[in-house]
Amino acid sequence: MTAERGDPTALALRLLARREYGRLELRDKLLRAGCDAGDVALALDALVAAGAQDDARYVEMLTRARVRQGHGPLRLRQDVQRAGGEATAAPEIDWLQQAQAVCRKRFGNSPPTDAKDYAKRARFLAGRGFTGETIRRVLAAGRERDFSAD
């Protein structure tokens, strides 16, 4: 990679040919490759001006990928912020429907059998990044009795 150290634009283009990157993520990769910080900033500005790197396009790609993976809005927002992007308004996603599909895929169509199973499903959905309200609605839809007495 020593030849690339002198030309951060060439390295950045090679990286962008494989997949989209956010500006912050791309900057960090170039710096770790040994490129000069000043050259990296100039290269990134040139790539943005040429349309080769676009944070909005990156956020769209990341959103599609996370939804496909079954993640919720909280996880999506966290991943976008970690990548240095702006948390824009998500496309019209029915998060309730998304959470139901994720829960069905993991646990099947049967409702929770007891309070322990209910808590297990709630923790799973929370770990995927769904809100408490969405989790309650998903699990209440399949619940046949109240487990608070158990």
N, C-alpha and C. Protein backbone atom coordinates (compact mmCIF):
# COMPACT_ATOMS: atom_id res chain seq x y z
N MET A 1 0.81 -1.20 0.00
CA MET A 1 0.00 0.00 0.00
C MET A 1 0.85 1.26 0.00
N THR A 2 2.12 1.11 -0.07
CA THR A 2 2.98 2.29 0.00
C THR A 2 2.78 3.20 -1.20
N ALA A 3 2.46 2.63 -2.36
CA ALA A 3 2.23 3.47 -3.54
C ALA A 3 0.97 4.30 -3.38
N GLU A 4 0.02 3.77 -2.60
CA GLU A 4 -1.24 4.49 -2.42
C GLU A 4 -1.12 5.63 -1.42
N ARG A 5 -0.07 5.60 -0.59
CA ARG A 5 0.07 6.64 0.43
C ARG A 5 0.19 8.02 -0.17
N GLY A 6 0.76 8.11 -1.32
CA GLY A 6 0.92 9.41 -1.95
C GLY A 6 -0.34 9.89 -2.63
N ASP A 7 -1.29 9.00 -2.90
CA ASP A 7 -2.49 9.38 -3.63
C ASP A 7 -3.75 8.85 -2.93
N PRO A 8 -4.26 9.61 -1.97
CA PRO A 8 -5.46 9.15 -1.26
C PRO A 8 -6.68 9.08 -2.17
N THR A 9 -6.71 9.88 -3.24
CA THR A 9 -7.84 9.84 -4.16
C THR A 9 -7.94 8.48 -4.84
N ALA A 10 -6.80 7.93 -5.27
CA ALA A 10 -6.80 6.63 -5.94
C ALA A 10 -7.26 5.53 -4.99
N LEU A 11 -6.78 5.57 -3.75
CA LEU A 11 -7.19 4.57 -2.76
C LEU A 11 -8.68 4.71 -2.45
N ALA A 12 -9.14 5.94 -2.29
CA ALA A 12 -10.56 6.17 -1.99
C ALA A 12 -11.44 5.67 -3.13
N LEU A 13 -11.03 5.91 -4.36
CA LEU A 13 -11.82 5.42 -5.50
C LEU A 13 -11.86 3.90 -5.53
N ARG A 14 -10.74 3.27 -5.18
CA ARG A 14 -10.71 1.80 -5.12
C ARG A 14 -11.68 1.29 -4.06
N LEU A 15 -11.70 1.95 -2.92
CA LEU A 15 -12.61 1.55 -1.85
C LEU A 15 -14.06 1.78 -2.26
N LEU A 16 -14.34 2.92 -2.86
CA LEU A 16 -15.70 3.25 -3.26
C LEU A 16 -16.20 2.37 -4.40
N ALA A 17 -15.30 1.77 -5.15
CA ALA A 17 -15.71 0.87 -6.22
C ALA A 17 -16.33 -0.40 -5.64
N ARG A 18 -15.94 -0.75 -4.43
CA ARG A 18 -16.46 -1.96 -3.79
C ARG A 18 -17.82 -1.74 -3.13
N ARG A 19 -17.96 -0.60 -2.45
CA ARG A 19 -19.21 -0.28 -1.76
C ARG A 19 -19.23 1.19 -1.38
N GLU A 20 -20.38 1.68 -0.94
CA GLU A 20 -20.50 3.06 -0.48
C GLU A 20 -19.83 3.21 0.88
N TYR A 21 -19.29 4.38 1.13
CA TYR A 21 -18.72 4.73 2.42
C TYR A 21 -19.21 6.12 2.80
N GLY A 22 -19.40 6.33 4.10
CA GLY A 22 -19.65 7.67 4.60
C GLY A 22 -18.33 8.42 4.61
N ARG A 23 -18.40 9.72 4.60
CA ARG A 23 -17.18 10.54 4.56
C ARG A 23 -16.26 10.23 5.75
N LEU A 24 -16.84 10.15 6.95
CA LEU A 24 -16.06 9.90 8.15
C LEU A 24 -15.38 8.53 8.08
N GLU A 25 -16.12 7.53 7.68
CA GLU A 25 -15.57 6.18 7.57
C GLU A 25 -14.46 6.11 6.52
N LEU A 26 -14.67 6.76 5.40
CA LEU A 26 -13.67 6.78 4.33
C LEU A 26 -12.41 7.53 4.79
N ARG A 27 -12.61 8.64 5.48
CA ARG A 27 -11.47 9.41 6.01
C ARG A 27 -10.63 8.55 6.95
N ASP A 28 -11.31 7.84 7.85
CA ASP A 28 -10.59 6.98 8.80
C ASP A 28 -9.81 5.88 8.09
N LYS A 29 -10.38 5.29 7.07
CA LYS A 29 -9.68 4.24 6.31
C LYS A 29 -8.43 4.80 5.62
N LEU A 30 -8.57 5.97 5.05
CA LEU A 30 -7.43 6.58 4.37
C LEU A 30 -6.32 6.96 5.35
N LEU A 31 -6.70 7.46 6.50
CA LEU A 31 -5.69 7.81 7.51
C LEU A 31 -4.99 6.56 8.04
N ARG A 32 -5.75 5.49 8.24
CA ARG A 32 -5.13 4.23 8.70
C ARG A 32 -4.20 3.65 7.65
N ALA A 33 -4.46 3.95 6.37
CA ALA A 33 -3.60 3.47 5.29
C ALA A 33 -2.31 4.28 5.19
N GLY A 34 -2.20 5.33 6.00
CA GLY A 34 -0.97 6.11 6.02
C GLY A 34 -1.00 7.37 5.17
N CYS A 35 -2.15 7.77 4.71
CA CYS A 35 -2.26 8.99 3.90
C CYS A 35 -2.18 10.22 4.81
N ASP A 36 -1.67 11.29 4.27
CA ASP A 36 -1.54 12.56 4.98
C ASP A 36 -2.93 13.16 5.21
N ALA A 37 -3.18 13.67 6.42
CA ALA A 37 -4.50 14.21 6.78
C ALA A 37 -4.93 15.35 5.87
N GLY A 38 -4.03 16.23 5.51
CA GLY A 38 -4.36 17.34 4.62
C GLY A 38 -4.73 16.86 3.23
N ASP A 39 -3.97 15.88 2.72
CA ASP A 39 -4.27 15.31 1.41
C ASP A 39 -5.61 14.58 1.41
N VAL A 40 -5.90 13.92 2.53
CA VAL A 40 -7.16 13.19 2.65
C VAL A 40 -8.34 14.15 2.58
N ALA A 41 -8.24 15.26 3.29
CA ALA A 41 -9.34 16.24 3.29
C ALA A 41 -9.56 16.79 1.88
N LEU A 42 -8.49 17.11 1.18
CA LEU A 42 -8.62 17.61 -0.20
C LEU A 42 -9.20 16.54 -1.12
N ALA A 43 -8.75 15.30 -0.96
CA ALA A 43 -9.25 14.21 -1.80
C ALA A 43 -10.74 13.98 -1.57
N LEU A 44 -11.15 14.01 -0.31
CA LEU A 44 -12.57 13.80 0.00
C LEU A 44 -13.43 14.93 -0.56
N ASP A 45 -12.95 16.16 -0.46
CA ASP A 45 -13.69 17.28 -1.04
C ASP A 45 -13.84 17.11 -2.55
N ALA A 46 -12.79 16.65 -3.20
CA ALA A 46 -12.84 16.45 -4.65
C ALA A 46 -13.80 15.31 -5.00
N LEU A 47 -13.81 14.25 -4.20
CA LEU A 47 -14.71 13.12 -4.47
C LEU A 47 -16.17 13.51 -4.27
N VAL A 48 -16.43 14.33 -3.28
CA VAL A 48 -17.80 14.82 -3.05
C VAL A 48 -18.23 15.70 -4.22
N ALA A 49 -17.34 16.61 -4.65
CA ALA A 49 -17.65 17.50 -5.77
C ALA A 49 -17.91 16.72 -7.05
N ALA A 50 -17.19 15.61 -7.24
CA ALA A 50 -17.36 14.79 -8.45
C ALA A 50 -18.55 13.84 -8.34
N GLY A 51 -19.14 13.74 -7.14
CA GLY A 51 -20.28 12.84 -6.95
C GLY A 51 -19.89 11.40 -6.67
N ALA A 52 -18.61 11.13 -6.45
CA ALA A 52 -18.17 9.76 -6.19
C ALA A 52 -18.48 9.34 -4.75
N GLN A 53 -18.50 10.30 -3.84
CA GLN A 53 -18.84 10.03 -2.46
C GLN A 53 -19.97 10.93 -2.05
N ASP A 54 -21.02 10.34 -1.48
CA ASP A 54 -22.21 11.10 -1.10
C ASP A 54 -22.76 10.51 0.19
N ASP A 55 -22.76 11.29 1.25
CA ASP A 55 -23.25 10.79 2.54
C ASP A 55 -24.73 10.43 2.50
N ALA A 56 -25.53 11.18 1.76
CA ALA A 56 -26.96 10.86 1.67
C ALA A 56 -27.16 9.51 0.99
N ARG A 57 -26.40 9.25 -0.04
CA ARG A 57 -26.49 7.96 -0.74
C ARG A 57 -26.03 6.83 0.19
N TYR A 58 -25.00 7.09 0.98
CA TYR A 58 -24.51 6.11 1.93
C TYR A 58 -25.57 5.78 2.98
N VAL A 59 -26.24 6.80 3.51
CA VAL A 59 -27.27 6.59 4.52
C VAL A 59 -28.42 5.78 3.92
N GLU A 60 -28.80 6.05 2.68
CA GLU A 60 -29.85 5.27 2.03
C GLU A 60 -29.44 3.80 1.93
N MET A 61 -28.20 3.54 1.54
CA MET A 61 -27.71 2.17 1.41
C MET A 61 -27.70 1.48 2.78
N LEU A 62 -27.24 2.18 3.79
CA LEU A 62 -27.17 1.63 5.13
C LEU A 62 -28.58 1.32 5.66
N THR A 63 -29.52 2.21 5.39
CA THR A 63 -30.90 2.00 5.81
C THR A 63 -31.47 0.75 5.18
N ARG A 64 -31.31 0.62 3.87
CA ARG A 64 -31.83 -0.58 3.18
C ARG A 64 -31.21 -1.85 3.74
N ALA A 65 -29.92 -1.82 3.99
CA ALA A 65 -29.23 -3.00 4.50
C ALA A 65 -29.72 -3.36 5.90
N ARG A 66 -29.86 -2.38 6.78
CA ARG A 66 -30.28 -2.68 8.15
C ARG A 66 -31.73 -3.16 8.20
N VAL A 67 -32.59 -2.61 7.37
CA VAL A 67 -33.98 -3.07 7.33
C VAL A 67 -34.02 -4.51 6.82
N ARG A 68 -33.24 -4.80 5.80
CA ARG A 68 -33.16 -6.16 5.26
C ARG A 68 -32.66 -7.15 6.31
N GLN A 69 -31.79 -6.69 7.19
CA GLN A 69 -31.24 -7.54 8.25
C GLN A 69 -32.19 -7.68 9.43
N GLY A 70 -33.30 -6.95 9.41
CA GLY A 70 -34.28 -7.07 10.48
C GLY A 70 -34.05 -6.17 11.67
N HIS A 71 -33.36 -5.06 11.47
CA HIS A 71 -33.11 -4.14 12.57
C HIS A 71 -34.19 -3.06 12.63
N GLY A 72 -34.35 -2.49 13.82
CA GLY A 72 -35.37 -1.48 14.04
C GLY A 72 -34.82 -0.06 13.96
N PRO A 73 -35.69 0.93 14.23
CA PRO A 73 -35.30 2.33 14.06
C PRO A 73 -34.21 2.80 15.01
N LEU A 74 -34.18 2.28 16.23
CA LEU A 74 -33.14 2.71 17.17
C LEU A 74 -31.77 2.23 16.74
N ARG A 75 -31.68 1.00 16.29
CA ARG A 75 -30.42 0.45 15.80
C ARG A 75 -29.98 1.18 14.54
N LEU A 76 -30.93 1.46 13.66
CA LEU A 76 -30.63 2.18 12.42
C LEU A 76 -30.04 3.55 12.74
N ARG A 77 -30.68 4.28 13.64
CA ARG A 77 -30.20 5.61 14.01
C ARG A 77 -28.79 5.53 14.60
N GLN A 78 -28.55 4.53 15.45
CA GLN A 78 -27.23 4.36 16.06
C GLN A 78 -26.17 4.06 15.00
N ASP A 79 -26.47 3.18 14.07
CA ASP A 79 -25.51 2.83 13.02
C ASP A 79 -25.19 4.01 12.12
N VAL A 80 -26.20 4.80 11.79
CA VAL A 80 -26.00 5.98 10.95
C VAL A 80 -25.12 6.99 11.67
N GLN A 81 -25.39 7.22 12.95
CA GLN A 81 -24.58 8.18 13.71
C GLN A 81 -23.15 7.68 13.87
N ARG A 82 -22.98 6.38 14.09
CA ARG A 82 -21.64 5.81 14.24
C ARG A 82 -20.83 5.98 12.96
N ALA A 83 -21.51 5.90 11.82
CA ALA A 83 -20.84 6.05 10.53
C ALA A 83 -20.59 7.51 10.18
N GLY A 84 -21.10 8.42 11.01
CA GLY A 84 -20.86 9.84 10.78
C GLY A 84 -21.89 10.48 9.88
N GLY A 85 -22.96 9.78 9.61
CA GLY A 85 -24.01 10.33 8.75
C GLY A 85 -25.05 11.08 9.55
N GLU A 86 -25.89 11.76 8.84
CA GLU A 86 -26.99 12.48 9.46
C GLU A 86 -28.20 11.56 9.51
N ALA A 87 -28.83 11.47 10.66
CA ALA A 87 -30.03 10.66 10.81
C ALA A 87 -31.19 11.40 10.16
N THR A 88 -31.40 11.11 8.89
CA THR A 88 -32.49 11.75 8.15
C THR A 88 -33.78 10.98 8.39
N ALA A 89 -34.86 11.50 7.90
CA ALA A 89 -36.14 10.81 8.02
C ALA A 89 -36.06 9.49 7.26
N ALA A 90 -36.38 8.42 7.95
CA ALA A 90 -36.32 7.09 7.32
C ALA A 90 -37.42 6.99 6.27
N PRO A 91 -37.19 6.19 5.26
CA PRO A 91 -38.24 5.99 4.28
C PRO A 91 -39.48 5.40 4.96
N GLU A 92 -40.55 5.40 4.27
CA GLU A 92 -41.81 4.92 4.84
C GLU A 92 -41.70 3.44 5.19
N ILE A 93 -41.27 3.17 6.40
CA ILE A 93 -41.13 1.81 6.89
C ILE A 93 -42.17 1.59 7.97
N ASP A 94 -42.91 0.52 7.85
CA ASP A 94 -43.86 0.15 8.89
C ASP A 94 -43.09 -0.66 9.93
N TRP A 95 -42.64 0.01 10.99
CA TRP A 95 -41.79 -0.63 11.99
C TRP A 95 -42.53 -1.72 12.74
N LEU A 96 -43.83 -1.58 12.91
CA LEU A 96 -44.62 -2.63 13.56
C LEU A 96 -44.60 -3.90 12.72
N GLN A 97 -44.83 -3.73 11.43
CA GLN A 97 -44.80 -4.87 10.52
C GLN A 97 -43.40 -5.49 10.47
N GLN A 98 -42.39 -4.66 10.46
CA GLN A 98 -41.01 -5.14 10.45
C GLN A 98 -40.72 -5.96 11.72
N ALA A 99 -41.14 -5.45 12.88
CA ALA A 99 -40.91 -6.17 14.14
C ALA A 99 -41.68 -7.48 14.17
N GLN A 100 -42.90 -7.49 13.65
CA GLN A 100 -43.69 -8.73 13.60
C GLN A 100 -43.00 -9.78 12.74
N ALA A 101 -42.48 -9.36 11.60
CA ALA A 101 -41.80 -10.29 10.71
C ALA A 101 -40.54 -10.85 11.35
N VAL A 102 -39.77 -10.00 12.03
CA VAL A 102 -38.55 -10.44 12.70
C VAL A 102 -38.89 -11.42 13.82
N CYS A 103 -39.91 -11.12 14.58
CA CYS A 103 -40.33 -11.98 15.68
C CYS A 103 -40.84 -13.33 15.15
N ARG A 104 -41.63 -13.29 14.11
CA ARG A 104 -42.15 -14.51 13.49
C ARG A 104 -41.02 -15.39 12.96
N LYS A 105 -40.03 -14.76 12.33
CA LYS A 105 -38.91 -15.50 11.77
C LYS A 105 -38.13 -16.22 12.87
N ARG A 106 -37.97 -15.57 14.00
CA ARG A 106 -37.18 -16.13 15.10
C ARG A 106 -37.98 -17.13 15.95
N PHE A 107 -39.24 -16.80 16.23
CA PHE A 107 -40.01 -17.59 17.20
C PHE A 107 -41.20 -18.32 16.60
N GLY A 108 -41.46 -18.15 15.32
CA GLY A 108 -42.61 -18.80 14.70
C GLY A 108 -43.90 -18.03 14.96
N ASN A 109 -45.02 -18.64 14.62
CA ASN A 109 -46.31 -17.96 14.74
C ASN A 109 -46.96 -18.13 16.10
N SER A 110 -46.41 -18.97 16.96
CA SER A 110 -47.03 -19.20 18.27
C SER A 110 -46.82 -17.99 19.18
N PRO A 111 -47.84 -17.71 20.02
CA PRO A 111 -47.70 -16.60 20.97
C PRO A 111 -46.76 -17.01 22.10
N PRO A 112 -46.29 -16.04 22.89
CA PRO A 112 -45.45 -16.38 24.03
C PRO A 112 -46.18 -17.35 24.97
N THR A 113 -45.46 -18.34 25.47
CA THR A 113 -46.09 -19.36 26.30
C THR A 113 -46.23 -18.95 27.76
N ASP A 114 -45.34 -18.10 28.25
CA ASP A 114 -45.40 -17.64 29.63
C ASP A 114 -44.63 -16.33 29.75
N ALA A 115 -44.52 -15.82 30.96
CA ALA A 115 -43.84 -14.54 31.17
C ALA A 115 -42.37 -14.60 30.78
N LYS A 116 -41.74 -15.75 31.02
CA LYS A 116 -40.32 -15.90 30.68
C LYS A 116 -40.13 -15.83 29.16
N ASP A 117 -41.00 -16.49 28.42
CA ASP A 117 -40.94 -16.48 26.96
C ASP A 117 -41.23 -15.07 26.43
N TYR A 118 -42.20 -14.39 27.05
CA TYR A 118 -42.54 -13.02 26.68
C TYR A 118 -41.31 -12.13 26.84
N ALA A 119 -40.62 -12.26 27.99
CA ALA A 119 -39.44 -11.44 28.28
C ALA A 119 -38.31 -11.76 27.29
N LYS A 120 -38.17 -13.02 26.95
CA LYS A 120 -37.14 -13.43 25.99
C LYS A 120 -37.37 -12.78 24.64
N ARG A 121 -38.61 -12.78 24.19
CA ARG A 121 -38.95 -12.16 22.91
C ARG A 121 -38.78 -10.64 22.96
N ALA A 122 -39.15 -10.06 24.08
CA ALA A 122 -39.00 -8.60 24.24
C ALA A 122 -37.52 -8.21 24.20
N ARG A 123 -36.67 -8.98 24.90
CA ARG A 123 -35.22 -8.68 24.88
C ARG A 123 -34.65 -8.83 23.47
N PHE A 124 -35.10 -9.84 22.75
CA PHE A 124 -34.62 -10.05 21.38
C PHE A 124 -34.97 -8.84 20.51
N LEU A 125 -36.23 -8.41 20.56
CA LEU A 125 -36.64 -7.27 19.74
C LEU A 125 -35.96 -5.98 20.17
N ALA A 126 -35.75 -5.81 21.46
CA ALA A 126 -35.04 -4.62 21.94
C ALA A 126 -33.60 -4.63 21.44
N GLY A 127 -32.98 -5.79 21.43
CA GLY A 127 -31.62 -5.90 20.92
C GLY A 127 -31.53 -5.60 19.44
N ARG A 128 -32.61 -5.81 18.72
CA ARG A 128 -32.65 -5.50 17.29
C ARG A 128 -32.90 -4.02 17.05
N GLY A 129 -33.26 -3.28 18.10
CA GLY A 129 -33.41 -1.84 17.95
C GLY A 129 -34.84 -1.36 17.77
N PHE A 130 -35.81 -2.13 18.25
CA PHE A 130 -37.20 -1.69 18.17
C PHE A 130 -37.57 -0.97 19.47
N THR A 131 -38.50 -0.04 19.36
CA THR A 131 -38.92 0.75 20.52
C THR A 131 -39.78 -0.10 21.45
N GLY A 132 -39.87 0.34 22.70
CA GLY A 132 -40.68 -0.37 23.68
C GLY A 132 -42.13 -0.46 23.28
N GLU A 133 -42.67 0.60 22.73
CA GLU A 133 -44.08 0.61 22.30
C GLU A 133 -44.31 -0.42 21.19
N THR A 134 -43.41 -0.47 20.22
CA THR A 134 -43.54 -1.44 19.12
C THR A 134 -43.44 -2.86 19.67
N ILE A 135 -42.54 -3.10 20.59
CA ILE A 135 -42.37 -4.43 21.18
C ILE A 135 -43.64 -4.84 21.91
N ARG A 136 -44.20 -3.94 22.70
CA ARG A 136 -45.44 -4.26 23.43
C ARG A 136 -46.57 -4.58 22.46
N ARG A 137 -46.67 -3.82 21.38
CA ARG A 137 -47.74 -4.06 20.42
C ARG A 137 -47.58 -5.40 19.70
N VAL A 138 -46.34 -5.74 19.35
CA VAL A 138 -46.09 -7.02 18.67
C VAL A 138 -46.43 -8.18 19.59
N LEU A 139 -45.97 -8.12 20.82
CA LEU A 139 -46.18 -9.23 21.73
C LEU A 139 -47.60 -9.29 22.26
N ALA A 140 -48.27 -8.15 22.36
CA ALA A 140 -49.67 -8.14 22.81
C ALA A 140 -50.58 -8.73 21.74
N ALA A 141 -50.21 -8.58 20.48
CA ALA A 141 -51.05 -9.10 19.39
C ALA A 141 -51.13 -10.62 19.45
N GLY A 142 -50.06 -11.28 19.89
CA GLY A 142 -50.06 -12.73 19.94
C GLY A 142 -50.36 -13.30 21.32
N ARG A 143 -50.49 -12.44 22.30
CA ARG A 143 -50.71 -12.90 23.68
C ARG A 143 -52.16 -13.25 23.92
N GLU A 144 -52.39 -14.36 24.53
CA GLU A 144 -53.77 -14.79 24.78
C GLU A 144 -54.21 -14.50 26.21
N ARG A 145 -53.23 -14.34 27.11
CA ARG A 145 -53.59 -14.04 28.50
C ARG A 145 -52.54 -13.11 29.11
N ASP A 146 -52.84 -12.54 30.22
CA ASP A 146 -51.95 -11.62 30.88
C ASP A 146 -50.98 -12.39 31.76
N PHE A 147 -49.68 -12.21 31.54
CA PHE A 147 -48.67 -12.94 32.29
C PHE A 147 -48.22 -12.19 33.55
N SER A 148 -48.81 -11.05 33.82
CA SER A 148 -48.37 -10.28 34.98
C SER A 148 -48.67 -11.01 36.28
N ALA A 149 -49.63 -11.95 36.29
CA ALA A 149 -49.96 -12.69 37.49
C ALA A 149 -49.02 -13.87 37.70
N ASP A 150 -48.23 -14.25 36.71
CA ASP A 150 -47.33 -15.41 36.85
C ASP A 150 -46.18 -15.15 37.75
